Amino acid sequence: MMREPIPHGLALDHLCRVRACVNPWHTEVVTNVENTMRGESPPAKNARKDACPKGHPLEKFTGQRRCRECHNEKNRARNKILKPWLSRSPERRERDRVRHLKYWHAVGKHKKAQREG
């Protein structure tokens, strides 16, 4: 029950989107990419987006589609946290790093004791 043979490298796109439908007149021969983009899968939905949740335009940035404004905002927030750390001397940074590791090691032991006891 086919209309025509399907050429190599192409796929059938079911136009009516009813999974149980077997009517060959409800199909169209398209490329795999076009078939995917017509669907409702997450990749198709993401490819159709042209703005981030905040409304900024998406653009090709560092090899990916992302919002430049949100990306820069995130980096500014991260740098604001890191700047005091990076402005310290290497000796002070190492001393603070060791203190931090000791603290989290102690917290981990305390939580493990609570789970076991």
N, C-alpha and C. Protein backbone atom coordinates (compact mmCIF):
# COMPACT_ATOMS: atom_id res chain seq x y z
N MET A 1 0.84 -1.18 0.00
CA MET A 1 0.00 0.00 0.00
C MET A 1 0.89 1.25 0.00
N MET A 2 1.67 1.43 -1.06
CA MET A 2 2.55 2.59 -1.18
C MET A 2 2.15 3.43 -2.37
N ARG A 3 2.43 4.72 -2.31
CA ARG A 3 2.18 5.60 -3.45
C ARG A 3 3.30 5.50 -4.45
N GLU A 4 4.54 5.52 -3.95
CA GLU A 4 5.71 5.50 -4.83
C GLU A 4 6.88 4.97 -4.01
N PRO A 5 7.91 4.48 -4.66
CA PRO A 5 9.08 4.01 -3.90
C PRO A 5 9.78 5.18 -3.19
N ILE A 6 10.37 4.88 -2.05
CA ILE A 6 11.06 5.92 -1.25
C ILE A 6 12.52 5.94 -1.68
N PRO A 7 13.02 7.06 -2.21
CA PRO A 7 14.41 7.14 -2.64
C PRO A 7 15.38 6.95 -1.46
N HIS A 8 16.56 6.45 -1.77
CA HIS A 8 17.59 6.23 -0.75
C HIS A 8 17.97 7.56 -0.08
N GLY A 9 18.07 7.56 1.24
CA GLY A 9 18.47 8.75 1.98
C GLY A 9 17.30 9.65 2.36
N LEU A 10 16.09 9.30 1.96
CA LEU A 10 14.91 10.09 2.31
C LEU A 10 14.02 9.29 3.26
N ALA A 11 13.07 9.97 3.87
CA ALA A 11 12.17 9.32 4.83
C ALA A 11 10.75 9.78 4.57
N LEU A 12 9.80 9.03 5.13
CA LEU A 12 8.39 9.41 5.03
C LEU A 12 8.02 10.28 6.21
N ASP A 13 7.40 11.41 5.92
CA ASP A 13 6.88 12.29 6.97
C ASP A 13 5.37 12.11 6.98
N HIS A 14 4.84 11.72 8.14
CA HIS A 14 3.40 11.51 8.26
C HIS A 14 2.75 12.85 8.55
N LEU A 15 2.06 13.40 7.61
CA LEU A 15 1.54 14.76 7.68
C LEU A 15 0.43 14.95 8.71
N CYS A 16 -0.42 13.93 8.92
CA CYS A 16 -1.55 14.11 9.82
C CYS A 16 -1.15 13.90 11.29
N ARG A 17 0.03 13.38 11.56
CA ARG A 17 0.57 13.19 12.92
C ARG A 17 -0.26 12.24 13.78
N VAL A 18 -1.09 11.41 13.16
CA VAL A 18 -1.84 10.39 13.90
C VAL A 18 -1.04 9.10 13.78
N ARG A 19 -0.55 8.59 14.91
CA ARG A 19 0.34 7.42 14.87
C ARG A 19 -0.34 6.17 14.31
N ALA A 20 -1.62 6.03 14.52
CA ALA A 20 -2.33 4.83 14.07
C ALA A 20 -2.73 4.90 12.59
N CYS A 21 -2.60 6.05 11.97
CA CYS A 21 -3.02 6.23 10.58
C CYS A 21 -2.06 5.50 9.64
N VAL A 22 -2.63 4.75 8.67
CA VAL A 22 -1.82 4.03 7.69
C VAL A 22 -2.13 4.48 6.26
N ASN A 23 -2.83 5.59 6.10
CA ASN A 23 -3.19 6.10 4.79
C ASN A 23 -1.94 6.62 4.08
N PRO A 24 -1.56 6.04 2.94
CA PRO A 24 -0.34 6.50 2.25
C PRO A 24 -0.45 7.92 1.71
N TRP A 25 -1.66 8.44 1.56
CA TRP A 25 -1.84 9.80 1.07
C TRP A 25 -1.57 10.83 2.16
N HIS A 26 -1.37 10.37 3.37
CA HIS A 26 -1.04 11.27 4.49
C HIS A 26 0.47 11.34 4.71
N THR A 27 1.24 10.86 3.75
CA THR A 27 2.70 10.88 3.89
C THR A 27 3.33 11.72 2.78
N GLU A 28 4.56 12.15 3.08
CA GLU A 28 5.33 12.92 2.10
C GLU A 28 6.78 12.49 2.22
N VAL A 29 7.48 12.37 1.11
CA VAL A 29 8.89 11.98 1.12
C VAL A 29 9.72 13.24 1.35
N VAL A 30 10.51 13.24 2.44
CA VAL A 30 11.36 14.38 2.79
C VAL A 30 12.70 13.86 3.30
N THR A 31 13.65 14.76 3.50
CA THR A 31 14.93 14.38 4.09
C THR A 31 14.73 14.09 5.58
N ASN A 32 15.68 13.36 6.17
CA ASN A 32 15.60 13.06 7.60
C ASN A 32 15.61 14.33 8.44
N VAL A 33 16.42 15.30 8.05
CA VAL A 33 16.50 16.56 8.80
C VAL A 33 15.15 17.28 8.77
N GLU A 34 14.55 17.37 7.59
CA GLU A 34 13.26 18.06 7.48
C GLU A 34 12.18 17.32 8.27
N ASN A 35 12.22 16.00 8.23
CA ASN A 35 11.25 15.20 8.98
C ASN A 35 11.39 15.46 10.48
N THR A 36 12.62 15.52 10.97
CA THR A 36 12.86 15.79 12.39
C THR A 36 12.40 17.20 12.74
N MET A 37 12.71 18.17 11.89
CA MET A 37 12.36 19.55 12.19
C MET A 37 10.84 19.80 12.18
N ARG A 38 10.10 19.00 11.46
CA ARG A 38 8.64 19.14 11.43
C ARG A 38 7.99 18.55 12.68
N GLY A 39 8.72 17.71 13.40
CA GLY A 39 8.15 17.01 14.55
C GLY A 39 8.07 17.85 15.80
N GLU A 40 7.74 17.18 16.90
CA GLU A 40 7.60 17.84 18.21
C GLU A 40 8.64 17.34 19.19
N SER A 41 9.75 16.80 18.70
CA SER A 41 10.81 16.32 19.59
C SER A 41 11.57 17.50 20.18
N PRO A 42 12.29 17.30 21.30
CA PRO A 42 13.06 18.41 21.88
C PRO A 42 14.04 19.06 20.89
N PRO A 43 14.79 18.29 20.07
CA PRO A 43 15.67 18.98 19.11
C PRO A 43 14.92 19.87 18.14
N ALA A 44 13.74 19.42 17.69
CA ALA A 44 12.96 20.23 16.75
C ALA A 44 12.45 21.50 17.43
N LYS A 45 11.96 21.36 18.66
CA LYS A 45 11.46 22.53 19.40
C LYS A 45 12.58 23.53 19.64
N ASN A 46 13.77 23.03 20.03
CA ASN A 46 14.90 23.93 20.29
C ASN A 46 15.38 24.62 19.01
N ALA A 47 15.35 23.91 17.89
CA ALA A 47 15.80 24.51 16.63
C ALA A 47 14.87 25.63 16.18
N ARG A 48 13.59 25.54 16.56
CA ARG A 48 12.63 26.58 16.17
C ARG A 48 12.70 27.82 17.06
N LYS A 49 13.36 27.71 18.20
CA LYS A 49 13.45 28.86 19.10
C LYS A 49 14.33 29.94 18.49
N ASP A 50 13.96 31.19 18.69
CA ASP A 50 14.78 32.29 18.20
C ASP A 50 15.13 33.27 19.31
N ALA A 51 14.68 32.97 20.56
CA ALA A 51 14.99 33.84 21.69
C ALA A 51 15.13 33.01 22.95
N CYS A 52 15.90 33.51 23.90
CA CYS A 52 16.06 32.84 25.19
C CYS A 52 14.81 33.09 26.04
N PRO A 53 14.67 32.43 27.20
CA PRO A 53 13.50 32.66 28.05
C PRO A 53 13.33 34.12 28.48
N LYS A 54 14.42 34.89 28.52
CA LYS A 54 14.33 36.31 28.89
C LYS A 54 14.00 37.20 27.69
N GLY A 55 13.91 36.61 26.49
CA GLY A 55 13.54 37.37 25.30
C GLY A 55 14.70 37.88 24.46
N HIS A 56 15.94 37.61 24.87
CA HIS A 56 17.10 38.03 24.08
C HIS A 56 17.24 37.13 22.86
N PRO A 57 17.75 37.64 21.75
CA PRO A 57 17.91 36.79 20.56
C PRO A 57 19.01 35.75 20.76
N LEU A 58 18.78 34.55 20.20
CA LEU A 58 19.80 33.51 20.21
C LEU A 58 20.70 33.71 19.01
N GLU A 59 21.99 33.48 19.19
CA GLU A 59 22.92 33.61 18.08
C GLU A 59 24.01 32.56 18.21
N LYS A 60 24.68 32.29 17.11
CA LYS A 60 25.77 31.32 17.14
C LYS A 60 26.94 31.97 17.86
N PHE A 61 27.32 31.36 18.97
CA PHE A 61 28.31 31.94 19.87
C PHE A 61 29.14 30.82 20.44
N THR A 62 30.43 30.82 20.24
CA THR A 62 31.36 29.77 20.67
C THR A 62 30.91 28.40 20.17
N GLY A 63 30.45 28.34 18.91
CA GLY A 63 30.09 27.06 18.32
C GLY A 63 28.71 26.55 18.69
N GLN A 64 27.98 27.27 19.53
CA GLN A 64 26.64 26.85 19.93
C GLN A 64 25.68 28.01 19.78
N ARG A 65 24.40 27.69 19.72
CA ARG A 65 23.39 28.74 19.73
C ARG A 65 23.10 29.08 21.17
N ARG A 66 23.36 30.29 21.56
CA ARG A 66 23.05 30.72 22.92
C ARG A 66 22.83 32.22 22.94
N CYS A 67 22.30 32.67 24.05
CA CYS A 67 22.02 34.09 24.22
C CYS A 67 23.29 34.77 24.73
N ARG A 68 23.82 35.68 23.95
CA ARG A 68 25.06 36.36 24.31
C ARG A 68 24.89 37.17 25.60
N GLU A 69 23.74 37.86 25.74
CA GLU A 69 23.53 38.71 26.91
C GLU A 69 23.48 37.88 28.19
N CYS A 70 22.73 36.78 28.18
CA CYS A 70 22.63 35.92 29.37
C CYS A 70 23.98 35.27 29.68
N HIS A 71 24.70 34.87 28.62
CA HIS A 71 26.02 34.26 28.81
C HIS A 71 26.98 35.26 29.47
N ASN A 72 26.99 36.49 28.99
CA ASN A 72 27.86 37.51 29.58
C ASN A 72 27.45 37.85 31.00
N GLU A 73 26.14 37.88 31.25
CA GLU A 73 25.63 38.16 32.60
C GLU A 73 26.09 37.08 33.58
N LYS A 74 26.02 35.82 33.14
CA LYS A 74 26.46 34.71 33.98
C LYS A 74 27.95 34.81 34.27
N ASN A 75 28.75 35.16 33.26
CA ASN A 75 30.19 35.29 33.45
C ASN A 75 30.54 36.45 34.38
N ARG A 76 29.80 37.57 34.27
CA ARG A 76 30.04 38.71 35.17
C ARG A 76 29.76 38.32 36.61
N ALA A 77 28.68 37.57 36.84
CA ALA A 77 28.35 37.13 38.20
C ALA A 77 29.43 36.19 38.73
N ARG A 78 29.91 35.28 37.88
CA ARG A 78 30.96 34.35 38.31
C ARG A 78 32.25 35.10 38.62
N ASN A 79 32.61 36.06 37.77
CA ASN A 79 33.84 36.82 37.99
C ASN A 79 33.75 37.69 39.24
N LYS A 80 32.55 38.17 39.56
CA LYS A 80 32.37 38.98 40.77
C LYS A 80 32.69 38.14 42.00
N ILE A 81 32.34 36.86 41.95
CA ILE A 81 32.64 35.96 43.06
C ILE A 81 34.12 35.61 43.08
N LEU A 82 34.72 35.39 41.91
CA LEU A 82 36.10 34.94 41.83
C LEU A 82 37.12 36.06 41.99
N LYS A 83 36.74 37.30 41.71
CA LYS A 83 37.72 38.39 41.71
C LYS A 83 38.46 38.53 43.04
N PRO A 84 37.76 38.52 44.18
CA PRO A 84 38.51 38.62 45.45
C PRO A 84 39.49 37.46 45.61
N TRP A 85 39.08 36.29 45.18
CA TRP A 85 39.94 35.11 45.30
C TRP A 85 41.18 35.26 44.43
N LEU A 86 41.01 35.72 43.20
CA LEU A 86 42.14 35.83 42.28
C LEU A 86 43.09 36.97 42.63
N SER A 87 42.60 37.99 43.35
CA SER A 87 43.46 39.12 43.70
C SER A 87 44.37 38.81 44.90
N ARG A 88 44.16 37.69 45.57
CA ARG A 88 45.01 37.32 46.71
C ARG A 88 46.35 36.80 46.22
N SER A 89 47.29 36.78 47.12
CA SER A 89 48.61 36.25 46.78
C SER A 89 48.50 34.73 46.62
N PRO A 90 49.41 34.12 45.86
CA PRO A 90 49.37 32.67 45.68
C PRO A 90 49.44 31.92 47.01
N GLU A 91 50.24 32.43 47.96
CA GLU A 91 50.36 31.76 49.26
C GLU A 91 49.03 31.79 50.01
N ARG A 92 48.36 32.94 49.98
CA ARG A 92 47.07 33.07 50.67
C ARG A 92 46.01 32.19 50.00
N ARG A 93 46.03 32.15 48.65
CA ARG A 93 45.07 31.30 47.94
C ARG A 93 45.25 29.84 48.34
N GLU A 94 46.50 29.39 48.42
CA GLU A 94 46.77 28.00 48.79
C GLU A 94 46.32 27.74 50.23
N ARG A 95 46.61 28.67 51.14
CA ARG A 95 46.20 28.50 52.54
C ARG A 95 44.67 28.42 52.64
N ASP A 96 43.97 29.29 51.90
CA ASP A 96 42.50 29.28 51.93
C ASP A 96 41.95 28.00 51.30
N ARG A 97 42.61 27.52 50.24
CA ARG A 97 42.17 26.29 49.59
C ARG A 97 42.27 25.11 50.54
N VAL A 98 43.39 25.04 51.27
CA VAL A 98 43.58 23.95 52.23
C VAL A 98 42.54 24.03 53.34
N ARG A 99 42.28 25.23 53.86
CA ARG A 99 41.24 25.40 54.89
C ARG A 99 39.89 24.93 54.37
N HIS A 100 39.58 25.32 53.15
CA HIS A 100 38.31 24.95 52.54
C HIS A 100 38.19 23.43 52.43
N LEU A 101 39.26 22.77 51.97
CA LEU A 101 39.23 21.32 51.84
C LEU A 101 39.07 20.64 53.20
N LYS A 102 39.79 21.14 54.21
CA LYS A 102 39.67 20.57 55.56
C LYS A 102 38.25 20.72 56.08
N TYR A 103 37.64 21.88 55.84
CA TYR A 103 36.28 22.12 56.31
C TYR A 103 35.32 21.12 55.67
N TRP A 104 35.38 20.99 54.34
CA TRP A 104 34.46 20.09 53.67
C TRP A 104 34.74 18.64 53.99
N HIS A 105 35.99 18.29 54.28
CA HIS A 105 36.33 16.94 54.70
C HIS A 105 35.67 16.66 56.05
N ALA A 106 35.73 17.64 56.98
CA ALA A 106 35.11 17.48 58.30
C ALA A 106 33.59 17.39 58.16
N VAL A 107 33.01 18.20 57.30
CA VAL A 107 31.55 18.15 57.09
C VAL A 107 31.16 16.77 56.55
N GLY A 108 31.94 16.27 55.63
CA GLY A 108 31.66 14.94 55.06
C GLY A 108 31.71 13.85 56.12
N LYS A 109 32.72 13.90 57.01
CA LYS A 109 32.82 12.91 58.09
C LYS A 109 31.62 13.02 59.02
N HIS A 110 31.21 14.26 59.33
CA HIS A 110 30.08 14.49 60.23
C HIS A 110 28.79 13.91 59.61
N LYS A 111 28.57 14.17 58.33
CA LYS A 111 27.37 13.66 57.68
C LYS A 111 27.40 12.14 57.59
N LYS A 112 28.58 11.56 57.36
CA LYS A 112 28.70 10.12 57.29
C LYS A 112 28.39 9.49 58.66
N ALA A 113 28.88 10.13 59.71
CA ALA A 113 28.60 9.65 61.08
C ALA A 113 27.11 9.71 61.37
N GLN A 114 26.45 10.77 60.90
CA GLN A 114 25.00 10.90 61.12
C GLN A 114 24.24 9.81 60.39
N ARG A 115 24.66 9.48 59.18
CA ARG A 115 23.98 8.42 58.41
C ARG A 115 24.16 7.07 59.08
N GLU A 116 25.37 6.81 59.58
CA GLU A 116 25.66 5.51 60.17
C GLU A 116 25.08 5.36 61.57
N GLY A 117 25.02 6.46 62.31
CA GLY A 117 24.61 6.38 63.71
C GLY A 117 23.23 6.73 63.89
